[in-house]
Amino acid sequence: MTPGLDTALILRTSALGQRRRAWGVVLGIQTGTLMWGAFTSLGVTALLTASHLAYTALR
């Protein structure tokens, strides 16, 4: 597998010498991944797929 956009964003941020900001990026990505996993396990993904209105409201 090749690195994705998340990895590219982290590498770019840290390469610019912004180590603290890079850790913030990592924390944000991991929080989003955790939230997506939790919502998926609760069946929210099926609801959002079926209802455009629910997707717009959550977004």
PDB file of N, CA and C in Angstrom:
ATOM      1  N   MET A   1       0.832  -1.174   0.000  1.00  0.00           N
ATOM      2  CA  MET A   1       0.000   0.000   0.000  1.00  0.00           C
ATOM      3  C   MET A   1       0.882   1.244   0.000  1.00  0.00           C
ATOM      4  N   THR A   2       0.406   2.253  -0.652  1.00  0.00           N
ATOM      5  CA  THR A   2       1.131   3.518  -0.678  1.00  0.00           C
ATOM      6  C   THR A   2       0.560   4.451   0.386  1.00  0.00           C
ATOM      7  N   PRO A   3       1.367   5.372   0.856  1.00  0.00           N
ATOM      8  CA  PRO A   3       0.861   6.338   1.837  1.00  0.00           C
ATOM      9  C   PRO A   3      -0.274   7.172   1.242  1.00  0.00           C
ATOM     10  N   GLY A   4      -1.218   7.508   2.071  1.00  0.00           N
ATOM     11  CA  GLY A   4      -2.373   8.278   1.612  1.00  0.00           C
ATOM     12  C   GLY A   4      -2.209   9.764   1.860  1.00  0.00           C
ATOM     13  N   LEU A   5      -3.290  10.474   1.689  1.00  0.00           N
ATOM     14  CA  LEU A   5      -3.272  11.917   1.874  1.00  0.00           C
ATOM     15  C   LEU A   5      -2.972  12.299   3.321  1.00  0.00           C
ATOM     16  N   ASP A   6      -3.431  11.470   4.263  1.00  0.00           N
ATOM     17  CA  ASP A   6      -3.156  11.757   5.676  1.00  0.00           C
ATOM     18  C   ASP A   6      -1.653  11.792   5.933  1.00  0.00           C
ATOM     19  N   THR A   7      -0.965  10.783   5.422  1.00  0.00           N
ATOM     20  CA  THR A   7       0.487  10.708   5.616  1.00  0.00           C
ATOM     21  C   THR A   7       1.186  11.876   4.943  1.00  0.00           C
ATOM     22  N   ALA A   8       0.732  12.226   3.752  1.00  0.00           N
ATOM     23  CA  ALA A   8       1.336  13.350   3.038  1.00  0.00           C
ATOM     24  C   ALA A   8       1.161  14.654   3.808  1.00  0.00           C
ATOM     25  N   LEU A   9      -0.007  14.848   4.402  1.00  0.00           N
ATOM     26  CA  LEU A   9      -0.262  16.060   5.173  1.00  0.00           C
ATOM     27  C   LEU A   9       0.633  16.127   6.413  1.00  0.00           C
ATOM     28  N   ILE A  10       0.785  15.005   7.090  1.00  0.00           N
ATOM     29  CA  ILE A  10       1.649  14.965   8.270  1.00  0.00           C
ATOM     30  C   ILE A  10       3.099  15.232   7.889  1.00  0.00           C
ATOM     31  N   LEU A  11       3.574  14.582   6.829  1.00  0.00           N
ATOM     32  CA  LEU A  11       4.963  14.769   6.393  1.00  0.00           C
ATOM     33  C   LEU A  11       5.227  16.204   5.943  1.00  0.00           C
ATOM     34  N   ARG A  12       4.288  16.786   5.220  1.00  0.00           N
ATOM     35  CA  ARG A  12       4.468  18.166   4.762  1.00  0.00           C
ATOM     36  C   ARG A  12       4.529  19.131   5.942  1.00  0.00           C
ATOM     37  N   THR A  13       3.642  18.942   6.893  1.00  0.00           N
ATOM     38  CA  THR A  13       3.601  19.829   8.055  1.00  0.00           C
ATOM     39  C   THR A  13       4.870  19.720   8.878  1.00  0.00           C
ATOM     40  N   SER A  14       5.331  18.489   9.091  1.00  0.00           N
ATOM     41  CA  SER A  14       6.553  18.323   9.878  1.00  0.00           C
ATOM     42  C   SER A  14       7.789  18.771   9.104  1.00  0.00           C
ATOM     43  N   ALA A  15       7.780  18.627   7.774  1.00  0.00           N
ATOM     44  CA  ALA A  15       8.923  19.064   6.971  1.00  0.00           C
ATOM     45  C   ALA A  15       9.077  20.582   6.983  1.00  0.00           C
ATOM     46  N   LEU A  16       7.994  21.282   7.204  1.00  0.00           N
ATOM     47  CA  LEU A  16       8.049  22.741   7.290  1.00  0.00           C
ATOM     48  C   LEU A  16       8.563  23.215   8.648  1.00  0.00           C
ATOM     49  N   GLY A  17       8.911  22.254   9.511  1.00  0.00           N
ATOM     50  CA  GLY A  17       9.475  22.595  10.803  1.00  0.00           C
ATOM     51  C   GLY A  17       8.443  22.916  11.859  1.00  0.00           C
ATOM     52  N   GLN A  18       7.220  22.507  11.620  1.00  0.00           N
ATOM     53  CA  GLN A  18       6.139  22.795  12.565  1.00  0.00           C
ATOM     54  C   GLN A  18       5.759  21.510  13.288  1.00  0.00           C
ATOM     55  N   ARG A  19       6.633  21.089  14.179  1.00  0.00           N
ATOM     56  CA  ARG A  19       6.456  19.810  14.854  1.00  0.00           C
ATOM     57  C   ARG A  19       5.189  19.768  15.699  1.00  0.00           C
ATOM     58  N   ARG A  20       4.930  20.832  16.421  1.00  0.00           N
ATOM     59  CA  ARG A  20       3.732  20.874  17.272  1.00  0.00           C
ATOM     60  C   ARG A  20       2.466  20.813  16.421  1.00  0.00           C
ATOM     61  N   ARG A  21       2.451  21.519  15.313  1.00  0.00           N
ATOM     62  CA  ARG A  21       1.292  21.507  14.424  1.00  0.00           C
ATOM     63  C   ARG A  21       1.114  20.128  13.783  1.00  0.00           C
ATOM     64  N   ALA A  22       2.222  19.452  13.477  1.00  0.00           N
ATOM     65  CA  ALA A  22       2.143  18.105  12.904  1.00  0.00           C
ATOM     66  C   ALA A  22       1.477  17.144  13.891  1.00  0.00           C
ATOM     67  N   TRP A  23       1.786  17.286  15.176  1.00  0.00           N
ATOM     68  CA  TRP A  23       1.134  16.450  16.183  1.00  0.00           C
ATOM     69  C   TRP A  23      -0.358  16.770  16.251  1.00  0.00           C
ATOM     70  N   GLY A  24      -0.714  18.020  16.047  1.00  0.00           N
ATOM     71  CA  GLY A  24      -2.124  18.393  15.992  1.00  0.00           C
ATOM     72  C   GLY A  24      -2.833  17.739  14.815  1.00  0.00           C
ATOM     73  N   VAL A  25      -2.133  17.674  13.680  1.00  0.00           N
ATOM     74  CA  VAL A  25      -2.680  17.012  12.496  1.00  0.00           C
ATOM     75  C   VAL A  25      -2.900  15.530  12.787  1.00  0.00           C
ATOM     76  N   VAL A  26      -1.917  14.903  13.408  1.00  0.00           N
ATOM     77  CA  VAL A  26      -2.041  13.483  13.756  1.00  0.00           C
ATOM     78  C   VAL A  26      -3.240  13.267  14.678  1.00  0.00           C
ATOM     79  N   LEU A  27      -3.361  14.113  15.690  1.00  0.00           N
ATOM     80  CA  LEU A  27      -4.470  13.990  16.639  1.00  0.00           C
ATOM     81  C   LEU A  27      -5.815  14.165  15.939  1.00  0.00           C
ATOM     82  N   GLY A  28      -5.899  15.124  15.033  1.00  0.00           N
ATOM     83  CA  GLY A  28      -7.146  15.343  14.299  1.00  0.00           C
ATOM     84  C   GLY A  28      -7.513  14.172  13.412  1.00  0.00           C
ATOM     85  N   ILE A  29      -6.530  13.623  12.713  1.00  0.00           N
ATOM     86  CA  ILE A  29      -6.785  12.483  11.836  1.00  0.00           C
ATOM     87  C   ILE A  29      -7.235  11.277  12.649  1.00  0.00           C
ATOM     88  N   GLN A  30      -6.548  11.016  13.749  1.00  0.00           N
ATOM     89  CA  GLN A  30      -6.895   9.863  14.575  1.00  0.00           C
ATOM     90  C   GLN A  30      -8.256  10.030  15.236  1.00  0.00           C
ATOM     91  N   THR A  31      -8.597  11.242  15.641  1.00  0.00           N
ATOM     92  CA  THR A  31      -9.909  11.492  16.230  1.00  0.00           C
ATOM     93  C   THR A  31     -11.007  11.252  15.203  1.00  0.00           C
ATOM     94  N   GLY A  32     -10.796  11.734  13.992  1.00  0.00           N
ATOM     95  CA  GLY A  32     -11.765  11.508  12.922  1.00  0.00           C
ATOM     96  C   GLY A  32     -11.942  10.037  12.600  1.00  0.00           C
ATOM     97  N   THR A  33     -10.847   9.298  12.580  1.00  0.00           N
ATOM     98  CA  THR A  33     -10.914   7.862  12.304  1.00  0.00           C
ATOM     99  C   THR A  33     -11.665   7.135  13.420  1.00  0.00           C
ATOM    100  N   LEU A  34     -11.396   7.502  14.652  1.00  0.00           N
ATOM    101  CA  LEU A  34     -12.088   6.896  15.789  1.00  0.00           C
ATOM    102  C   LEU A  34     -13.587   7.192  15.746  1.00  0.00           C
ATOM    103  N   MET A  35     -13.936   8.431  15.443  1.00  0.00           N
ATOM    104  CA  MET A  35     -15.352   8.815  15.359  1.00  0.00           C
ATOM    105  C   MET A  35     -16.055   8.046  14.234  1.00  0.00           C
ATOM    106  N   TRP A  36     -15.399   7.937  13.089  1.00  0.00           N
ATOM    107  CA  TRP A  36     -15.990   7.218  11.959  1.00  0.00           C
ATOM    108  C   TRP A  36     -16.228   5.758  12.330  1.00  0.00           C
ATOM    109  N   GLY A  37     -15.263   5.139  13.013  1.00  0.00           N
ATOM    110  CA  GLY A  37     -15.429   3.754  13.445  1.00  0.00           C
ATOM    111  C   GLY A  37     -16.572   3.596  14.430  1.00  0.00           C
ATOM    112  N   ALA A  38     -16.694   4.537  15.363  1.00  0.00           N
ATOM    113  CA  ALA A  38     -17.779   4.475  16.342  1.00  0.00           C
ATOM    114  C   ALA A  38     -19.133   4.657  15.671  1.00  0.00           C
ATOM    115  N   PHE A  39     -19.239   5.615  14.754  1.00  0.00           N
ATOM    116  CA  PHE A  39     -20.496   5.833  14.049  1.00  0.00           C
ATOM    117  C   PHE A  39     -20.864   4.630  13.189  1.00  0.00           C
ATOM    118  N   THR A  40     -19.868   4.036  12.568  1.00  0.00           N
ATOM    119  CA  THR A  40     -20.115   2.865  11.736  1.00  0.00           C
ATOM    120  C   THR A  40     -20.655   1.719  12.571  1.00  0.00           C
ATOM    121  N   SER A  41     -20.069   1.525  13.736  1.00  0.00           N
ATOM    122  CA  SER A  41     -20.531   0.439  14.586  1.00  0.00           C
ATOM    123  C   SER A  41     -21.949   0.683  15.099  1.00  0.00           C
ATOM    124  N   LEU A  42     -22.364   1.911  15.152  1.00  0.00           N
ATOM    125  CA  LEU A  42     -23.726   2.232  15.599  1.00  0.00           C
ATOM    126  C   LEU A  42     -24.741   2.230  14.452  1.00  0.00           C
ATOM    127  N   GLY A  43     -24.280   2.024  13.244  1.00  0.00           N
ATOM    128  CA  GLY A  43     -25.194   1.961  12.106  1.00  0.00           C
ATOM    129  C   GLY A  43     -25.510   3.307  11.490  1.00  0.00           C
ATOM    130  N   VAL A  44     -24.798   4.348  11.888  1.00  0.00           N
ATOM    131  CA  VAL A  44     -25.064   5.679  11.357  1.00  0.00           C
ATOM    132  C   VAL A  44     -24.705   5.747   9.867  1.00  0.00           C
ATOM    133  N   THR A  45     -23.733   4.960   9.450  1.00  0.00           N
ATOM    134  CA  THR A  45     -23.327   4.961   8.045  1.00  0.00           C
ATOM    135  C   THR A  45     -24.492   4.562   7.146  1.00  0.00           C
ATOM    136  N   ALA A  46     -25.245   3.562   7.546  1.00  0.00           N
ATOM    137  CA  ALA A  46     -26.400   3.133   6.749  1.00  0.00           C
ATOM    138  C   ALA A  46     -27.436   4.247   6.660  1.00  0.00           C
ATOM    139  N   LEU A  47     -27.648   4.941   7.751  1.00  0.00           N
ATOM    140  CA  LEU A  47     -28.604   6.050   7.751  1.00  0.00           C
ATOM    141  C   LEU A  47     -28.151   7.159   6.817  1.00  0.00           C
ATOM    142  N   LEU A  48     -26.866   7.516   6.892  1.00  0.00           N
ATOM    143  CA  LEU A  48     -26.359   8.600   6.052  1.00  0.00           C
ATOM    144  C   LEU A  48     -26.366   8.225   4.578  1.00  0.00           C
ATOM    145  N   THR A  49     -26.147   6.955   4.285  1.00  0.00           N
ATOM    146  CA  THR A  49     -26.194   6.500   2.900  1.00  0.00           C
ATOM    147  C   THR A  49     -27.619   6.578   2.359  1.00  0.00           C
ATOM    148  N   ALA A  50     -28.590   6.262   3.188  1.00  0.00           N
ATOM    149  CA  ALA A  50     -29.983   6.242   2.748  1.00  0.00           C
ATOM    150  C   ALA A  50     -30.613   7.628   2.711  1.00  0.00           C
ATOM    151  N   SER A  51     -30.148   8.542   3.550  1.00  0.00           N
ATOM    152  CA  SER A  51     -30.819   9.829   3.668  1.00  0.00           C
ATOM    153  C   SER A  51     -29.856  10.992   3.405  1.00  0.00           C
ATOM    154  N   HIS A  52     -30.064  11.678   2.313  1.00  0.00           N
ATOM    155  CA  HIS A  52     -29.246  12.848   1.987  1.00  0.00           C
ATOM    156  C   HIS A  52     -29.478  13.962   3.014  1.00  0.00           C
ATOM    157  N   LEU A  53     -30.689  14.102   3.502  1.00  0.00           N
ATOM    158  CA  LEU A  53     -31.008  15.116   4.503  1.00  0.00           C
ATOM    159  C   LEU A  53     -30.237  14.878   5.808  1.00  0.00           C
ATOM    160  N   ALA A  54     -30.158  13.612   6.232  1.00  0.00           N
ATOM    161  CA  ALA A  54     -29.405  13.281   7.454  1.00  0.00           C
ATOM    162  C   ALA A  54     -27.926  13.566   7.260  1.00  0.00           C
ATOM    163  N   TYR A  55     -27.404  13.276   6.073  1.00  0.00           N
ATOM    164  CA  TYR A  55     -25.996  13.546   5.785  1.00  0.00           C
ATOM    165  C   TYR A  55     -25.723  15.046   5.844  1.00  0.00           C
ATOM    166  N   THR A  56     -26.597  15.829   5.246  1.00  0.00           N
ATOM    167  CA  THR A  56     -26.422  17.284   5.239  1.00  0.00           C
ATOM    168  C   THR A  56     -26.511  17.846   6.658  1.00  0.00           C
ATOM    169  N   ALA A  57     -27.418  17.325   7.458  1.00  0.00           N
ATOM    170  CA  ALA A  57     -27.571  17.795   8.839  1.00  0.00           C
ATOM    171  C   ALA A  57     -26.334  17.489   9.665  1.00  0.00           C
ATOM    172  N   LEU A  58     -25.771  16.297   9.503  1.00  0.00           N
ATOM    173  CA  LEU A  58     -24.578  15.919  10.265  1.00  0.00           C
ATOM    174  C   LEU A  58     -23.357  16.707   9.814  1.00  0.00           C
ATOM    175  N   ARG A  59     -23.259  16.921   8.519  1.00  0.00           N
ATOM    176  CA  ARG A  59     -22.117  17.646   7.976  1.00  0.00           C
ATOM    177  C   ARG A  59     -22.139  19.076   8.451  1.00  0.00           C
TER     178      ARG A  59
END
